[in-house]
N, C-alpha and C. Protein backbone atom coordinates (compact mmCIF):
# COMPACT_ATOMS: atom_id res chain seq x y z
N MET A 1 11.38 -10.53 19.94
CA MET A 1 11.30 -8.85 19.32
C MET A 1 10.75 -8.69 17.97
N LYS A 2 9.42 -8.43 17.31
CA LYS A 2 9.33 -8.38 15.94
C LYS A 2 9.97 -7.35 15.78
N GLN A 3 10.81 -7.51 14.39
CA GLN A 3 11.37 -6.35 13.38
C GLN A 3 10.23 -5.07 12.46
N THR A 4 10.91 -4.34 12.66
CA THR A 4 10.28 -3.15 12.61
C THR A 4 10.74 -3.03 10.77
N TRP A 5 9.83 -2.59 9.90
CA TRP A 5 10.37 -2.36 9.13
C TRP A 5 10.13 -0.72 8.17
N LYS A 6 10.92 -0.42 7.55
CA LYS A 6 10.93 1.00 7.09
C LYS A 6 9.91 1.00 5.99
N VAL A 7 8.70 1.80 6.04
CA VAL A 7 8.02 2.25 5.09
C VAL A 7 7.95 3.36 4.23
N LEU A 8 8.12 3.16 3.43
CA LEU A 8 8.60 4.53 1.82
C LEU A 8 7.50 4.65 1.28
N TYR A 9 6.84 5.81 0.70
CA TYR A 9 5.88 6.33 -0.05
C TYR A 9 6.49 7.11 -1.58
N HIS A 10 5.52 6.50 -2.48
CA HIS A 10 5.72 7.12 -3.95
C HIS A 10 5.90 8.32 -3.83
N PRO A 11 6.61 9.16 -4.34
CA PRO A 11 5.78 10.74 -4.59
C PRO A 11 4.37 11.26 -4.74
N GLU A 12 3.59 10.38 -4.99
CA GLU A 12 2.30 10.63 -5.72
C GLU A 12 1.48 10.12 -4.29
N VAL A 13 1.63 9.30 -3.43
CA VAL A 13 0.78 8.86 -2.53
C VAL A 13 0.16 10.06 -1.94
N ASP A 14 0.61 11.15 -1.78
CA ASP A 14 0.07 12.49 -0.85
C ASP A 14 -1.02 12.66 -2.08
N LYS A 15 -1.25 12.78 -3.17
CA LYS A 15 -2.35 13.20 -3.88
C LYS A 15 -4.00 11.97 -3.43
N ASP A 16 -2.73 10.61 -3.84
CA ASP A 16 -4.09 9.63 -3.56
C ASP A 16 -4.71 9.86 -2.15
N LEU A 17 -3.90 10.32 -1.24
CA LEU A 17 -4.31 10.52 0.13
C LEU A 17 -5.59 11.66 0.00
N ARG A 18 -5.33 12.61 -0.65
CA ARG A 18 -6.25 13.99 -0.67
C ARG A 18 -7.38 13.65 -1.55
N ARG A 19 -6.95 12.63 -2.32
CA ARG A 19 -8.36 12.11 -3.16
C ARG A 19 -9.39 11.34 -2.51
N ILE A 20 -9.03 10.43 -1.88
CA ILE A 20 -9.83 9.44 -0.92
C ILE A 20 -10.82 10.40 0.67
N GLY A 21 -10.25 11.31 0.87
CA GLY A 21 -10.73 12.06 1.64
C GLY A 21 -10.21 11.89 3.19
N LYS A 22 -10.24 12.75 4.05
CA LYS A 22 -9.48 12.55 5.41
C LYS A 22 -9.62 11.17 5.87
N SER A 23 -11.24 11.01 6.28
CA SER A 23 -11.22 9.99 7.03
C SER A 23 -10.50 8.62 6.64
N ARG A 24 -10.76 8.39 5.37
CA ARG A 24 -10.17 7.57 4.75
C ARG A 24 -8.65 6.91 4.67
N ALA A 25 -8.37 8.56 4.49
CA ALA A 25 -6.63 8.91 4.62
C ALA A 25 -6.41 8.21 5.70
N LYS A 26 -7.25 8.62 7.36
CA LYS A 26 -6.33 8.47 8.66
C LYS A 26 -6.55 7.04 8.75
N ARG A 27 -7.58 6.41 8.18
CA ARG A 27 -7.55 4.55 8.58
C ARG A 27 -6.32 3.97 7.70
N ALA A 28 -6.21 4.85 6.72
CA ALA A 28 -5.00 4.02 5.82
C ALA A 28 -3.82 4.24 6.21
N ILE A 29 -3.61 5.35 6.77
CA ILE A 29 -2.20 5.58 7.39
C ILE A 29 -1.98 4.65 8.40
N LYS A 30 -3.26 4.60 9.31
CA LYS A 30 -3.13 3.57 10.68
C LYS A 30 -2.87 2.44 10.32
N ALA A 31 -3.53 1.90 9.60
CA ALA A 31 -3.20 0.57 8.43
C ALA A 31 -1.83 0.02 8.24
N ILE A 32 -1.37 1.40 7.90
CA ILE A 32 -0.12 1.26 7.72
C ILE A 32 1.04 0.74 8.58
N ASP A 33 0.63 2.00 9.63
CA ASP A 33 1.85 2.11 11.22
C ASP A 33 1.73 0.96 11.81
N GLU A 34 0.33 0.05 11.54
CA GLU A 34 0.01 -1.01 12.64
C GLU A 34 -0.04 -2.06 12.15
N LYS A 35 0.20 -2.56 10.70
CA LYS A 35 0.43 -3.57 10.10
C LYS A 35 1.53 -3.59 9.11
N LEU A 36 2.37 -2.72 8.27
CA LEU A 36 3.09 -2.83 7.47
C LEU A 36 4.54 -2.48 8.35
N VAL A 37 3.99 -1.56 9.20
CA VAL A 37 5.82 -1.54 9.90
C VAL A 37 6.12 -2.74 10.88
N THR A 38 4.61 -3.69 10.88
CA THR A 38 5.42 -4.74 11.82
C THR A 38 5.73 -6.16 10.92
N GLU A 39 4.06 -6.37 10.06
CA GLU A 39 4.61 -7.69 9.52
C GLU A 39 3.87 -7.31 8.28
N PRO A 40 4.38 -7.06 7.42
CA PRO A 40 3.91 -6.49 5.80
C PRO A 40 3.14 -7.81 5.14
N GLU A 41 4.22 -9.03 5.68
CA GLU A 41 3.73 -10.11 4.96
C GLU A 41 2.71 -10.58 5.08
N SER A 42 2.79 -10.47 6.40
CA SER A 42 1.43 -11.16 7.13
C SER A 42 -0.20 -10.49 6.66
N PHE A 43 -0.32 -9.49 6.62
CA PHE A 43 -1.49 -8.72 6.01
C PHE A 43 -1.27 -8.58 4.85
N GLY A 44 -2.03 -8.25 3.85
CA GLY A 44 -2.14 -7.96 2.58
C GLY A 44 -2.00 -9.25 2.06
N ALA A 45 -2.50 -9.21 0.53
CA ALA A 45 -2.13 -10.53 -0.37
C ALA A 45 -1.88 -10.02 -1.35
N PRO A 46 -1.05 -11.27 -2.02
CA PRO A 46 -0.42 -10.98 -3.52
C PRO A 46 -1.64 -10.57 -4.43
N LEU A 47 -0.99 -9.78 -5.39
CA LEU A 47 -1.46 -9.49 -6.77
C LEU A 47 -0.96 -10.25 -7.64
N ARG A 48 -1.46 -10.49 -8.67
CA ARG A 48 -1.56 -11.32 -9.67
C ARG A 48 -1.18 -10.62 -11.08
N LYS A 49 -0.92 -11.37 -11.88
CA LYS A 49 -0.51 -11.37 -13.50
C LYS A 49 -0.02 -10.21 -13.49
N GLY A 50 -0.28 -8.88 -14.41
CA GLY A 50 0.74 -7.97 -14.32
C GLY A 50 1.05 -6.96 -13.41
N LEU A 51 0.34 -7.55 -12.08
CA LEU A 51 0.94 -6.69 -10.66
C LEU A 51 1.78 -8.00 -9.99
N ALA A 52 1.90 -8.94 -10.69
CA ALA A 52 2.70 -9.63 -9.37
C ALA A 52 3.88 -9.32 -8.89
N GLY A 53 4.07 -9.54 -7.75
CA GLY A 53 5.11 -9.00 -6.94
C GLY A 53 5.14 -7.78 -5.93
N LEU A 54 3.72 -7.58 -6.33
CA LEU A 54 2.97 -6.24 -5.30
C LEU A 54 2.05 -6.88 -4.34
N ARG A 55 1.49 -6.45 -3.12
CA ARG A 55 0.36 -7.08 -2.46
C ARG A 55 -0.42 -5.64 -2.24
N LYS A 56 -1.73 -6.35 -1.79
CA LYS A 56 -2.88 -5.19 -1.80
C LYS A 56 -2.76 -5.39 0.07
N LEU A 57 -3.11 -4.10 0.65
CA LEU A 57 -4.12 -4.54 1.84
C LEU A 57 -5.56 -3.32 1.80
N ARG A 58 -6.22 -3.77 2.57
CA ARG A 58 -7.63 -3.78 2.32
C ARG A 58 -8.13 -3.11 3.58
N VAL A 59 -8.69 -1.73 3.37
CA VAL A 59 -8.69 -1.07 4.61
C VAL A 59 -10.20 -0.32 4.33
N GLY A 60 -11.27 -1.43 4.70
CA GLY A 60 -12.44 -0.58 3.98
C GLY A 60 -12.58 -0.79 2.62
N ASP A 61 -13.30 0.20 1.82
CA ASP A 61 -13.41 0.17 0.69
C ASP A 61 -11.92 0.50 -0.25
N VAL A 62 -11.07 1.03 0.99
CA VAL A 62 -9.49 1.79 0.54
C VAL A 62 -8.63 0.04 -0.03
N ARG A 63 -7.46 0.72 -0.91
CA ARG A 63 -6.73 -0.74 -0.98
C ARG A 63 -5.38 0.01 -1.34
N ILE A 64 -4.40 -0.18 -0.46
CA ILE A 64 -2.86 0.31 -0.34
C ILE A 64 -2.40 -0.99 -1.01
N VAL A 65 -1.45 -0.63 -2.03
CA VAL A 65 -0.67 -1.29 -3.22
C VAL A 65 0.88 -1.02 -2.46
N TYR A 66 1.50 -2.16 -2.26
CA TYR A 66 2.83 -1.90 -1.74
C TYR A 66 3.87 -3.06 -2.44
N ARG A 67 4.84 -2.81 -2.29
CA ARG A 67 5.64 -3.92 -2.85
C ARG A 67 6.55 -3.83 -1.43
N ILE A 68 7.19 -5.32 -1.10
CA ILE A 68 8.38 -5.77 0.26
C ILE A 68 9.39 -5.46 -0.69
N GLU A 69 10.35 -4.94 -0.01
CA GLU A 69 11.85 -5.31 -0.25
C GLU A 69 12.49 -6.00 0.87
N LYS A 70 12.18 -7.52 0.69
CA LYS A 70 13.11 -7.91 2.19
C LYS A 70 14.97 -7.85 2.38
N GLU A 71 15.66 -8.03 1.22
CA GLU A 71 16.81 -7.09 1.84
C GLU A 71 16.77 -6.27 2.46
N ARG A 72 16.40 -5.01 2.13
CA ARG A 72 16.75 -3.48 2.41
C ARG A 72 15.68 -3.39 3.84
N VAL A 73 15.36 -4.60 4.07
CA VAL A 73 13.82 -4.45 5.42
C VAL A 73 13.35 -3.17 5.07
N GLU A 74 12.21 -3.04 3.79
CA GLU A 74 11.75 -2.19 3.30
C GLU A 74 10.51 -2.23 2.67
N VAL A 75 9.04 -1.67 3.29
CA VAL A 75 8.25 -1.33 2.24
C VAL A 75 7.44 -0.47 1.20
N LEU A 76 7.30 -0.35 0.28
CA LEU A 76 7.36 0.94 -0.73
C LEU A 76 5.91 0.87 -1.44
N VAL A 77 5.15 1.68 -0.46
CA VAL A 77 3.53 2.16 -0.64
C VAL A 77 3.35 3.07 -1.95
N ILE A 78 3.23 2.00 -2.79
CA ILE A 78 3.02 2.12 -4.45
C ILE A 78 1.81 3.13 -4.55
N THR A 79 0.52 3.18 -4.17
CA THR A 79 -0.69 3.58 -4.39
C THR A 79 -1.99 3.26 -3.23
N ILE A 80 -2.87 4.40 -3.26
CA ILE A 80 -3.89 4.27 -1.98
C ILE A 80 -5.01 4.70 -2.78
N GLY A 81 -6.30 3.63 -2.66
CA GLY A 81 -7.29 4.63 -3.48
C GLY A 81 -8.14 3.71 -3.47
N LYS A 82 -9.39 4.17 -3.45
CA LYS A 82 -10.81 3.27 -3.52
C LYS A 82 -11.06 2.39 -4.77
N ARG A 83 -11.73 1.06 -4.30
CA ARG A 83 -11.41 -0.12 -4.76
C ARG A 83 -12.56 -0.09 -5.79
N ALA A 84 -13.48 0.66 -5.83
CA ALA A 84 -14.93 1.05 -6.50
C ALA A 84 -14.23 1.19 -8.00
N ASP A 85 -13.34 2.36 -8.36
CA ASP A 85 -13.36 2.49 -9.65
C ASP A 85 -12.12 1.91 -10.04
N GLY A 86 -11.68 1.00 -9.50
CA GLY A 86 -10.32 -0.01 -9.81
C GLY A 86 -9.54 0.74 -10.60
N ASP A 87 -9.44 1.86 -10.35
CA ASP A 87 -8.25 2.26 -10.98
C ASP A 87 -6.83 2.47 -10.10
N VAL A 88 -7.29 2.04 -9.15
CA VAL A 88 -6.44 1.90 -8.05
C VAL A 88 -5.11 0.93 -8.25
N TYR A 89 -5.56 -0.01 -9.32
CA TYR A 89 -4.72 -1.28 -9.74
C TYR A 89 -4.10 -0.47 -11.12
N LYS A 90 -4.49 0.20 -12.10
CA LYS A 90 -3.99 0.86 -13.44
C LYS A 90 -2.98 1.82 -12.55
N VAL A 91 -3.20 2.34 -11.64
CA VAL A 91 -2.20 3.59 -10.94
C VAL A 91 -0.71 2.88 -11.05
N ALA A 92 -1.33 1.72 -9.76
CA ALA A 92 -0.31 0.44 -9.21
C ALA A 92 0.56 0.34 -10.31
N GLY A 93 -0.31 -0.33 -11.69
CA GLY A 93 0.65 -0.74 -12.97
C GLY A 93 1.34 0.17 -13.34
N SER A 94 1.02 1.36 -13.40
CA SER A 94 1.80 3.24 -14.11
C SER A 94 3.04 3.06 -13.26
N ARG A 95 2.99 3.00 -12.03
CA ARG A 95 4.05 3.74 -10.77
C ARG A 95 4.90 2.06 -10.29
N ARG A 96 4.98 1.13 -10.48
CA ARG A 96 5.75 0.36 -10.38
C ARG A 96 7.30 0.27 -10.92
N SER A 97 7.60 0.91 -11.33
CA SER A 97 9.00 0.72 -11.55
C SER A 97 9.86 1.60 -10.71
């Protein structure tokens, strides 16, 4: 049986979801529920340099940036945003603490 991971959200993620629109937000939440709850290490890719320790999950033109807390069996979703603006990674850097 697969392990179930607890998904926590940064308090600002609600604003992120409103910013990307309803259809993109639904797809992002669905991806989190299907992928990050069951196998957060199998999906997504590790980020590098200043964002080392974080991972990104690509859902169309949206990126979900998250951190895995193995010892607590938790996934913290830090930000969700469109890749095109590039701001999603800047926001992740500012919220990572």
